[in-house]
Amino acid sequence: MANQQGTDETPRPAGYYHLARAVLTREFLIFVRYPANAIGGIVISVFFFGVLFYGGQMIAGQALTDSIEGIIVGYFLWTLSVGAYSSISNDIASEVQWGTLERHVMTPFGFAPVALLKGVAKIVRTFITSTVILVVMILLTGTTLQLNLLTIVVVATLSIVSVLGLGLAAGGVTVLYKQIGNWLNLLQFGFIVLISAPAFDLGWMQVLPLAHGSALLQRTMVDGIRLWEFTAFDLALLFVTAAGYLALGYVVFQYATRRARRLGVLGDY
């Protein structure tokens, strides 16, 4: 009877929970086994901020000091955005070069969910490294910021979700056209314009990725505004923008990968 019960047991199919756990575990192991790469990214980011800060002090003097809080917040959001954007596009480009892209396509979950979850895992890692960079910037400049953890996490996460959608779209284009890394990297510098958009007070730019989130994050970290103190319109616009660009990027990714399969260029390099 016991043997019969044992033979009746069948393995349960893996669900999205198992997929998410596997992806997060993989990202954690990469982070632990190759810490030099993560530390190198932090050092490079801090170096460029140091050049910006000390070089700006020599040129602009007091004008830079008066706006240093906004610069720190903008740089923090930029590091998060670059990590969210490149998490998918660079990862897919590497899979194409390694010849392992077909494994993702053949999974029972589908290519897009796997790519999306890998992007989310990279965002978690980016939050850790960007937080370290933020602390170093604060210590380096002697600046005081309002660090309400809940508000910062919610606003920053929704801000970079729209960039994650752009990363999905870029990943799909990478699958289809392969060698377009220079064009994709160029878009990262466009994030600087989007993050700086609130300073120009252009109302229509609120619907662009990062623009509205950058404004809210500035108010949170510089002026100390809490999440529940924002208007319903501000929060709704932030959420709709994030969801809209993520959905658009997902659709573009699905279309590009399906077209690559129809053309038979999925595994080409």
C-alpha atoms as a PDB file:
ATOM      1  CA  MET A   1       0.000   0.000   0.000  1.00  0.00           C
ATOM      2  CA  ALA A   2       2.839   2.360   0.859  1.00  0.00           C
ATOM      3  CA  ASN A   3       4.602   1.478  -2.385  1.00  0.00           C
ATOM      4  CA  GLN A   4       1.441   2.138  -4.346  1.00  0.00           C
ATOM      5  CA  GLN A   5       1.036   5.556  -2.735  1.00  0.00           C
ATOM      6  CA  GLY A   6       4.658   6.315  -3.524  1.00  0.00           C
ATOM      7  CA  THR A   7       4.258   5.425  -7.200  1.00  0.00           C
ATOM      8  CA  ASP A   8       1.122   7.563  -7.491  1.00  0.00           C
ATOM      9  CA  GLU A   9       3.054  10.663  -6.565  1.00  0.00           C
ATOM     10  CA  THR A  10       3.844  12.751  -9.635  1.00  0.00           C
ATOM     11  CA  PRO A  11       6.072  15.830  -9.744  1.00  0.00           C
ATOM     12  CA  ARG A  12       4.144  19.059  -9.611  1.00  0.00           C
ATOM     13  CA  PRO A  13       4.640  21.445 -12.512  1.00  0.00           C
ATOM     14  CA  ALA A  14       6.697  24.502 -11.691  1.00  0.00           C
ATOM     15  CA  GLY A  15       4.798  27.758 -11.348  1.00  0.00           C
ATOM     16  CA  TYR A  16       5.714  31.407 -11.636  1.00  0.00           C
ATOM     17  CA  TYR A  17       6.668  31.400  -7.964  1.00  0.00           C
ATOM     18  CA  HIS A  18       9.351  28.807  -8.670  1.00  0.00           C
ATOM     19  CA  LEU A  19      10.504  30.759 -11.707  1.00  0.00           C
ATOM     20  CA  ALA A  20      10.791  33.989  -9.714  1.00  0.00           C
ATOM     21  CA  ARG A  21      12.666  32.222  -6.919  1.00  0.00           C
ATOM     22  CA  ALA A  22      15.080  30.620  -9.388  1.00  0.00           C
ATOM     23  CA  VAL A  23      15.775  33.925 -11.144  1.00  0.00           C
ATOM     24  CA  LEU A  24      16.310  35.806  -7.876  1.00  0.00           C
ATOM     25  CA  THR A  25      18.555  33.027  -6.574  1.00  0.00           C
ATOM     26  CA  ARG A  26      20.602  33.112  -9.777  1.00  0.00           C
ATOM     27  CA  GLU A  27      21.051  36.882  -9.515  1.00  0.00           C
ATOM     28  CA  PHE A  28      22.060  36.587  -5.855  1.00  0.00           C
ATOM     29  CA  LEU A  29      24.640  33.900  -6.641  1.00  0.00           C
ATOM     30  CA  ILE A  30      26.124  35.994  -9.441  1.00  0.00           C
ATOM     31  CA  PHE A  31      26.319  38.957  -7.076  1.00  0.00           C
ATOM     32  CA  VAL A  32      28.036  36.874  -4.381  1.00  0.00           C
ATOM     33  CA  ARG A  33      30.419  34.965  -6.641  1.00  0.00           C
ATOM     34  CA  TYR A  34      31.522  37.997  -8.669  1.00  0.00           C
ATOM     35  CA  PRO A  35      31.592  40.871  -6.176  1.00  0.00           C
ATOM     36  CA  ALA A  36      34.445  42.601  -7.992  1.00  0.00           C
ATOM     37  CA  ASN A  37      32.126  43.448 -10.875  1.00  0.00           C
ATOM     38  CA  ALA A  38      29.507  44.991  -8.588  1.00  0.00           C
ATOM     39  CA  ILE A  39      32.132  46.891  -6.603  1.00  0.00           C
ATOM     40  CA  GLY A  40      33.656  48.124  -9.859  1.00  0.00           C
ATOM     41  CA  GLY A  41      30.310  49.522 -10.963  1.00  0.00           C
ATOM     42  CA  ILE A  42      29.945  51.380  -7.658  1.00  0.00           C
ATOM     43  CA  VAL A  43      33.485  52.777  -7.870  1.00  0.00           C
ATOM     44  CA  ILE A  44      32.951  54.004 -11.434  1.00  0.00           C
ATOM     45  CA  SER A  45      29.641  55.674 -10.552  1.00  0.00           C
ATOM     46  CA  VAL A  46      31.167  57.382  -7.506  1.00  0.00           C
ATOM     47  CA  PHE A  47      34.179  58.467  -9.585  1.00  0.00           C
ATOM     48  CA  PHE A  48      32.008  60.174 -12.203  1.00  0.00           C
ATOM     49  CA  PHE A  49      29.975  61.873  -9.487  1.00  0.00           C
ATOM     50  CA  GLY A  50      33.215  63.065  -7.874  1.00  0.00           C
ATOM     51  CA  VAL A  51      34.326  64.530 -11.193  1.00  0.00           C
ATOM     52  CA  LEU A  52      30.925  66.204 -11.555  1.00  0.00           C
ATOM     53  CA  PHE A  53      30.949  67.565  -8.015  1.00  0.00           C
ATOM     54  CA  TYR A  54      34.523  68.805  -7.663  1.00  0.00           C
ATOM     55  CA  GLY A  55      34.784  69.916 -11.271  1.00  0.00           C
ATOM     56  CA  GLY A  56      31.495  71.753 -10.955  1.00  0.00           C
ATOM     57  CA  GLN A  57      32.669  73.473  -7.792  1.00  0.00           C
ATOM     58  CA  MET A  58      35.720  74.799  -9.620  1.00  0.00           C
ATOM     59  CA  ILE A  59      33.591  76.134 -12.472  1.00  0.00           C
ATOM     60  CA  ALA A  60      30.258  77.092 -10.923  1.00  0.00           C
ATOM     61  CA  GLY A  61      31.213  77.511  -7.269  1.00  0.00           C
ATOM     62  CA  GLN A  62      28.289  78.464  -5.029  1.00  0.00           C
ATOM     63  CA  ALA A  63      25.741  77.864  -7.804  1.00  0.00           C
ATOM     64  CA  LEU A  64      26.531  74.150  -7.726  1.00  0.00           C
ATOM     65  CA  THR A  65      26.499  74.018  -3.932  1.00  0.00           C
ATOM     66  CA  ASP A  66      23.027  75.571  -3.831  1.00  0.00           C
ATOM     67  CA  SER A  67      21.623  72.880  -6.133  1.00  0.00           C
ATOM     68  CA  ILE A  68      23.629  69.890  -4.891  1.00  0.00           C
ATOM     69  CA  GLU A  69      20.607  68.187  -3.292  1.00  0.00           C
ATOM     70  CA  GLY A  70      18.793  68.054  -6.613  1.00  0.00           C
ATOM     71  CA  ILE A  71      21.923  66.811  -8.367  1.00  0.00           C
ATOM     72  CA  ILE A  72      22.351  63.964  -5.870  1.00  0.00           C
ATOM     73  CA  VAL A  73      18.714  62.889  -6.205  1.00  0.00           C
ATOM     74  CA  GLY A  74      18.919  63.059  -9.995  1.00  0.00           C
ATOM     75  CA  TYR A  75      22.142  61.051 -10.092  1.00  0.00           C
ATOM     76  CA  PHE A  76      20.638  58.442  -7.755  1.00  0.00           C
ATOM     77  CA  LEU A  77      17.607  58.070 -10.036  1.00  0.00           C
ATOM     78  CA  TRP A  78      19.865  57.923 -13.097  1.00  0.00           C
ATOM     79  CA  THR A  79      21.881  54.999 -11.693  1.00  0.00           C
ATOM     80  CA  LEU A  80      18.620  53.176 -10.949  1.00  0.00           C
ATOM     81  CA  SER A  81      17.317  53.909 -14.447  1.00  0.00           C
ATOM     82  CA  VAL A  82      20.435  52.697 -16.221  1.00  0.00           C
ATOM     83  CA  GLY A  83      20.317  49.479 -14.212  1.00  0.00           C
ATOM     84  CA  ALA A  84      16.625  48.902 -14.997  1.00  0.00           C
ATOM     85  CA  TYR A  85      17.062  49.665 -18.701  1.00  0.00           C
ATOM     86  CA  SER A  86      20.245  47.708 -19.331  1.00  0.00           C
ATOM     87  CA  SER A  87      19.163  44.740 -17.206  1.00  0.00           C
ATOM     88  CA  ILE A  88      17.152  43.224 -20.063  1.00  0.00           C
ATOM     89  CA  SER A  89      18.814  44.599 -23.191  1.00  0.00           C
ATOM     90  CA  ASN A  90      22.371  43.756 -22.104  1.00  0.00           C
ATOM     91  CA  ASP A  91      21.353  40.372 -20.731  1.00  0.00           C
ATOM     92  CA  ILE A  92      19.665  39.399 -23.981  1.00  0.00           C
ATOM     93  CA  ALA A  93      22.630  40.665 -25.994  1.00  0.00           C
ATOM     94  CA  SER A  94      24.882  38.401 -23.923  1.00  0.00           C
ATOM     95  CA  GLU A  95      22.543  35.430 -24.427  1.00  0.00           C
ATOM     96  CA  VAL A  96      22.640  36.044 -28.186  1.00  0.00           C
ATOM     97  CA  GLN A  97      26.446  36.054 -28.190  1.00  0.00           C
ATOM     98  CA  TRP A  98      26.645  32.924 -26.032  1.00  0.00           C
ATOM     99  CA  GLY A  99      24.155  31.070 -28.213  1.00  0.00           C
ATOM    100  CA  THR A 100      21.892  30.273 -25.239  1.00  0.00           C
ATOM    101  CA  LEU A 101      18.919  32.403 -26.230  1.00  0.00           C
ATOM    102  CA  GLU A 102      16.878  29.453 -27.493  1.00  0.00           C
ATOM    103  CA  ARG A 103      16.737  27.965 -23.987  1.00  0.00           C
ATOM    104  CA  HIS A 104      14.636  30.898 -22.790  1.00  0.00           C
ATOM    105  CA  VAL A 105      12.317  30.643 -25.764  1.00  0.00           C
ATOM    106  CA  MET A 106      11.713  26.935 -25.134  1.00  0.00           C
ATOM    107  CA  THR A 107      10.691  27.347 -21.486  1.00  0.00           C
ATOM    108  CA  PRO A 108       7.026  26.524 -20.693  1.00  0.00           C
ATOM    109  CA  PHE A 109       6.623  30.005 -19.213  1.00  0.00           C
ATOM    110  CA  GLY A 110       7.434  31.824 -22.443  1.00  0.00           C
ATOM    111  CA  PHE A 111      10.321  34.123 -23.284  1.00  0.00           C
ATOM    112  CA  ALA A 112       8.742  37.430 -22.205  1.00  0.00           C
ATOM    113  CA  PRO A 113       7.888  36.423 -18.599  1.00  0.00           C
ATOM    114  CA  VAL A 114      11.394  35.042 -18.098  1.00  0.00           C
ATOM    115  CA  ALA A 115      12.977  38.233 -19.454  1.00  0.00           C
ATOM    116  CA  LEU A 116      10.676  40.386 -17.324  1.00  0.00           C
ATOM    117  CA  LEU A 117      11.482  38.501 -14.125  1.00  0.00           C
ATOM    118  CA  LYS A 118      15.208  38.661 -14.882  1.00  0.00           C
ATOM    119  CA  GLY A 119      14.803  42.415 -15.253  1.00  0.00           C
ATOM    120  CA  VAL A 120      13.025  42.632 -11.895  1.00  0.00           C
ATOM    121  CA  ALA A 121      15.836  40.640 -10.262  1.00  0.00           C
ATOM    122  CA  LYS A 122      18.402  43.040 -11.703  1.00  0.00           C
ATOM    123  CA  ILE A 123      16.390  45.984 -10.354  1.00  0.00           C
ATOM    124  CA  VAL A 124      16.594  44.531  -6.835  1.00  0.00           C
ATOM    125  CA  ARG A 125      20.349  44.295  -7.243  1.00  0.00           C
ATOM    126  CA  THR A 126      20.520  47.823  -8.676  1.00  0.00           C
ATOM    127  CA  PHE A 127      18.607  49.201  -5.695  1.00  0.00           C
ATOM    128  CA  ILE A 128      21.306  47.811  -3.402  1.00  0.00           C
ATOM    129  CA  THR A 129      24.226  49.259  -5.368  1.00  0.00           C
ATOM    130  CA  SER A 130      22.492  52.598  -5.978  1.00  0.00           C
ATOM    131  CA  THR A 131      21.747  52.931  -2.265  1.00  0.00           C
ATOM    132  CA  VAL A 132      25.447  52.477  -1.535  1.00  0.00           C
ATOM    133  CA  ILE A 133      26.236  55.154  -4.123  1.00  0.00           C
ATOM    134  CA  LEU A 134      23.658  57.478  -2.537  1.00  0.00           C
ATOM    135  CA  VAL A 135      25.217  57.079   0.910  1.00  0.00           C
ATOM    136  CA  VAL A 136      28.696  57.795  -0.489  1.00  0.00           C
ATOM    137  CA  MET A 137      27.426  60.914  -2.295  1.00  0.00           C
ATOM    138  CA  ILE A 138      25.819  62.217   0.896  1.00  0.00           C
ATOM    139  CA  LEU A 139      29.009  61.648   2.882  1.00  0.00           C
ATOM    140  CA  LEU A 140      31.170  63.112   0.125  1.00  0.00           C
ATOM    141  CA  THR A 141      29.202  66.341  -0.137  1.00  0.00           C
ATOM    142  CA  GLY A 142      28.053  66.682   3.476  1.00  0.00           C
ATOM    143  CA  THR A 143      24.485  67.104   2.251  1.00  0.00           C
ATOM    144  CA  THR A 144      21.390  66.343   4.303  1.00  0.00           C
ATOM    145  CA  LEU A 145      18.459  64.664   2.582  1.00  0.00           C
ATOM    146  CA  GLN A 146      15.076  63.465   3.812  1.00  0.00           C
ATOM    147  CA  LEU A 147      15.297  59.675   3.605  1.00  0.00           C
ATOM    148  CA  ASN A 148      11.776  58.347   4.160  1.00  0.00           C
ATOM    149  CA  LEU A 149      12.284  54.734   3.129  1.00  0.00           C
ATOM    150  CA  LEU A 150       8.698  53.855   2.204  1.00  0.00           C
ATOM    151  CA  THR A 151       8.135  56.913   0.044  1.00  0.00           C
ATOM    152  CA  ILE A 152      11.509  56.629  -1.698  1.00  0.00           C
ATOM    153  CA  VAL A 153      11.051  52.924  -2.513  1.00  0.00           C
ATOM    154  CA  VAL A 154       7.520  53.377  -3.877  1.00  0.00           C
ATOM    155  CA  VAL A 155       8.259  56.495  -5.939  1.00  0.00           C
ATOM    156  CA  ALA A 156      11.632  55.257  -7.235  1.00  0.00           C
ATOM    157  CA  THR A 157      10.253  51.817  -8.105  1.00  0.00           C
ATOM    158  CA  LEU A 158       7.306  53.201 -10.066  1.00  0.00           C
ATOM    159  CA  SER A 159       9.638  55.682 -11.753  1.00  0.00           C
ATOM    160  CA  ILE A 160      11.990  53.017 -13.088  1.00  0.00           C
ATOM    161  CA  VAL A 161       9.228  50.564 -14.031  1.00  0.00           C
ATOM    162  CA  SER A 162       8.611  52.733 -17.086  1.00  0.00           C
ATOM    163  CA  VAL A 163      12.313  52.405 -17.935  1.00  0.00           C
ATOM    164  CA  LEU A 164      12.002  48.646 -17.492  1.00  0.00           C
ATOM    165  CA  GLY A 165       9.376  48.787 -20.238  1.00  0.00           C
ATOM    166  CA  LEU A 166      11.875  50.570 -22.472  1.00  0.00           C
ATOM    167  CA  GLY A 167      14.391  47.863 -21.608  1.00  0.00           C
ATOM    168  CA  LEU A 168      11.916  45.174 -22.682  1.00  0.00           C
ATOM    169  CA  ALA A 169      11.365  46.938 -25.998  1.00  0.00           C
ATOM    170  CA  ALA A 170      15.134  47.315 -26.463  1.00  0.00           C
ATOM    171  CA  GLY A 171      15.602  43.631 -25.664  1.00  0.00           C
ATOM    172  CA  GLY A 172      13.084  42.666 -28.332  1.00  0.00           C
ATOM    173  CA  VAL A 173      14.822  44.858 -30.896  1.00  0.00           C
ATOM    174  CA  THR A 174      18.130  43.244 -29.893  1.00  0.00           C
ATOM    175  CA  VAL A 175      16.710  39.788 -30.581  1.00  0.00           C
ATOM    176  CA  LEU A 176      15.537  40.918 -34.007  1.00  0.00           C
ATOM    177  CA  TYR A 177      18.491  43.003 -35.194  1.00  0.00           C
ATOM    178  CA  LYS A 178      21.339  41.725 -32.947  1.00  0.00           C
ATOM    179  CA  GLN A 179      24.200  44.260 -33.164  1.00  0.00           C
ATOM    180  CA  ILE A 180      22.601  47.585 -32.149  1.00  0.00           C
ATOM    181  CA  GLY A 181      24.320  48.069 -28.792  1.00  0.00           C
ATOM    182  CA  ASN A 182      25.630  51.550 -29.593  1.00  0.00           C
ATOM    183  CA  TRP A 183      22.128  52.841 -30.341  1.00  0.00           C
ATOM    184  CA  LEU A 184      20.718  51.286 -27.200  1.00  0.00           C
ATOM    185  CA  ASN A 185      23.487  52.737 -25.028  1.00  0.00           C
ATOM    186  CA  LEU A 186      22.811  56.174 -26.499  1.00  0.00           C
ATOM    187  CA  LEU A 187      19.339  56.147 -24.965  1.00  0.00           C
ATOM    188  CA  GLN A 188      20.867  55.984 -21.478  1.00  0.00           C
ATOM    189  CA  PHE A 189      22.098  59.545 -21.865  1.00  0.00           C
ATOM    190  CA  GLY A 190      18.575  60.553 -22.832  1.00  0.00           C
ATOM    191  CA  PHE A 191      17.553  59.599 -19.299  1.00  0.00           C
ATOM    192  CA  ILE A 192      19.473  62.666 -18.090  1.00  0.00           C
ATOM    193  CA  VAL A 193      17.137  64.890 -20.099  1.00  0.00           C
ATOM    194  CA  LEU A 194      14.064  63.089 -18.777  1.00  0.00           C
ATOM    195  CA  ILE A 195      15.252  63.304 -15.165  1.00  0.00           C
ATOM    196  CA  SER A 196      16.014  67.013 -15.632  1.00  0.00           C
ATOM    197  CA  ALA A 197      12.613  67.698 -17.224  1.00  0.00           C
ATOM    198  CA  PRO A 198      10.950  68.958 -14.002  1.00  0.00           C
ATOM    199  CA  ALA A 199      13.511  71.772 -13.824  1.00  0.00           C
ATOM    200  CA  PHE A 200      12.167  73.149 -17.112  1.00  0.00           C
ATOM    201  CA  ASP A 201       8.550  72.990 -15.902  1.00  0.00           C
ATOM    202  CA  LEU A 202       7.216  71.476 -19.141  1.00  0.00           C
ATOM    203  CA  GLY A 203       3.811  70.068 -18.277  1.00  0.00           C
ATOM    204  CA  TRP A 204       3.462  67.752 -21.259  1.00  0.00           C
ATOM    205  CA  MET A 205       6.725  65.992 -20.363  1.00  0.00           C
ATOM    206  CA  GLN A 206       5.078  64.488 -17.295  1.00  0.00           C
ATOM    207  CA  VAL A 207       3.838  61.606 -19.441  1.00  0.00           C
ATOM    208  CA  LEU A 208       7.385  60.670 -20.494  1.00  0.00           C
ATOM    209  CA  PRO A 209       9.346  58.013 -18.574  1.00  0.00           C
ATOM    210  CA  LEU A 210      11.123  59.274 -15.427  1.00  0.00           C
ATOM    211  CA  ALA A 211       9.976  62.905 -15.764  1.00  0.00           C
ATOM    212  CA  HIS A 212       7.091  62.869 -13.291  1.00  0.00           C
ATOM    213  CA  GLY A 213       8.806  60.359 -11.020  1.00  0.00           C
ATOM    214  CA  SER A 214      11.895  62.569 -10.903  1.00  0.00           C
ATOM    215  CA  ALA A 215       9.791  65.527  -9.777  1.00  0.00           C
ATOM    216  CA  LEU A 216       8.134  63.503  -7.012  1.00  0.00           C
ATOM    217  CA  LEU A 217      11.434  62.012  -5.859  1.00  0.00           C
ATOM    218  CA  GLN A 218      12.935  65.507  -5.616  1.00  0.00           C
ATOM    219  CA  ARG A 219      10.017  66.629  -3.462  1.00  0.00           C
ATOM    220  CA  THR A 220      10.397  63.524  -1.304  1.00  0.00           C
ATOM    221  CA  MET A 221      14.135  63.613  -0.675  1.00  0.00           C
ATOM    222  CA  VAL A 222      14.703  67.374  -0.704  1.00  0.00           C
ATOM    223  CA  ASP A 223      11.463  68.787   0.746  1.00  0.00           C
ATOM    224  CA  GLY A 224      10.487  65.820   2.911  1.00  0.00           C
ATOM    225  CA  ILE A 225       7.067  65.184   1.313  1.00  0.00           C
ATOM    226  CA  ARG A 226       5.633  61.828   2.379  1.00  0.00           C
ATOM    227  CA  LEU A 227       3.773  59.385   0.129  1.00  0.00           C
ATOM    228  CA  TRP A 228       0.354  60.162   1.597  1.00  0.00           C
ATOM    229  CA  GLU A 229       0.957  63.900   1.183  1.00  0.00           C
ATOM    230  CA  PHE A 230       1.039  63.720  -2.616  1.00  0.00           C
ATOM    231  CA  THR A 231      -2.171  64.436  -4.463  1.00  0.00           C
ATOM    232  CA  ALA A 232      -4.225  61.603  -5.903  1.00  0.00           C
ATOM    233  CA  PHE A 233      -3.483  62.955  -9.390  1.00  0.00           C
ATOM    234  CA  ASP A 234       0.289  62.828  -8.826  1.00  0.00           C
ATOM    235  CA  LEU A 235       0.181  59.220  -7.627  1.00  0.00           C
ATOM    236  CA  ALA A 236      -2.272  58.146 -10.336  1.00  0.00           C
ATOM    237  CA  LEU A 237      -0.129  59.723 -13.078  1.00  0.00           C
ATOM    238  CA  LEU A 238       2.976  58.009 -11.695  1.00  0.00           C
ATOM    239  CA  PHE A 239       1.247  54.614 -11.652  1.00  0.00           C
ATOM    240  CA  VAL A 240      -0.410  54.970 -15.074  1.00  0.00           C
ATOM    241  CA  THR A 241       2.862  56.084 -16.676  1.00  0.00           C
ATOM    242  CA  ALA A 242       4.722  53.110 -15.190  1.00  0.00           C
ATOM    243  CA  ALA A 243       2.044  50.602 -16.188  1.00  0.00           C
ATOM    244  CA  GLY A 244       1.619  52.105 -19.656  1.00  0.00           C
ATOM    245  CA  TYR A 245       5.276  51.984 -20.658  1.00  0.00           C
ATOM    246  CA  LEU A 246       5.728  48.527 -19.132  1.00  0.00           C
ATOM    247  CA  ALA A 247       2.755  47.208 -21.122  1.00  0.00           C
ATOM    248  CA  LEU A 248       4.007  48.906 -24.300  1.00  0.00           C
ATOM    249  CA  GLY A 249       7.491  47.440 -23.847  1.00  0.00           C
ATOM    250  CA  TYR A 250       6.017  43.994 -23.228  1.00  0.00           C
ATOM    251  CA  VAL A 251       3.981  44.178 -26.439  1.00  0.00           C
ATOM    252  CA  VAL A 252       7.004  45.325 -28.462  1.00  0.00           C
ATOM    253  CA  PHE A 253       9.103  42.526 -26.966  1.00  0.00           C
ATOM    254  CA  GLN A 254       6.489  39.901 -27.841  1.00  0.00           C
ATOM    255  CA  TYR A 255       6.121  41.209 -31.392  1.00  0.00           C
ATOM    256  CA  ALA A 256       9.888  41.431 -32.030  1.00  0.00           C
ATOM    257  CA  THR A 257      10.644  37.943 -30.689  1.00  0.00           C
ATOM    258  CA  ARG A 258       7.773  36.367 -32.639  1.00  0.00           C
ATOM    259  CA  ARG A 259       8.917  38.097 -35.802  1.00  0.00           C
ATOM    260  CA  ALA A 260      12.469  36.853 -35.189  1.00  0.00           C
ATOM    261  CA  ARG A 261      11.115  33.302 -34.933  1.00  0.00           C
ATOM    262  CA  ARG A 262       9.111  33.675 -38.146  1.00  0.00           C
ATOM    263  CA  LEU A 263      12.160  34.999 -39.976  1.00  0.00           C
ATOM    264  CA  GLY A 264      14.328  32.235 -38.552  1.00  0.00           C
ATOM    265  CA  VAL A 265      16.909  34.657 -37.123  1.00  0.00           C
ATOM    266  CA  LEU A 266      16.361  33.935 -33.427  1.00  0.00           C
ATOM    267  CA  GLY A 267      19.628  32.051 -32.992  1.00  0.00           C
ATOM    268  CA  ASP A 268      21.649  34.035 -35.521  1.00  0.00           C
ATOM    269  CA  TYR A 269      24.478  36.291 -34.446  1.00  0.00           C
END
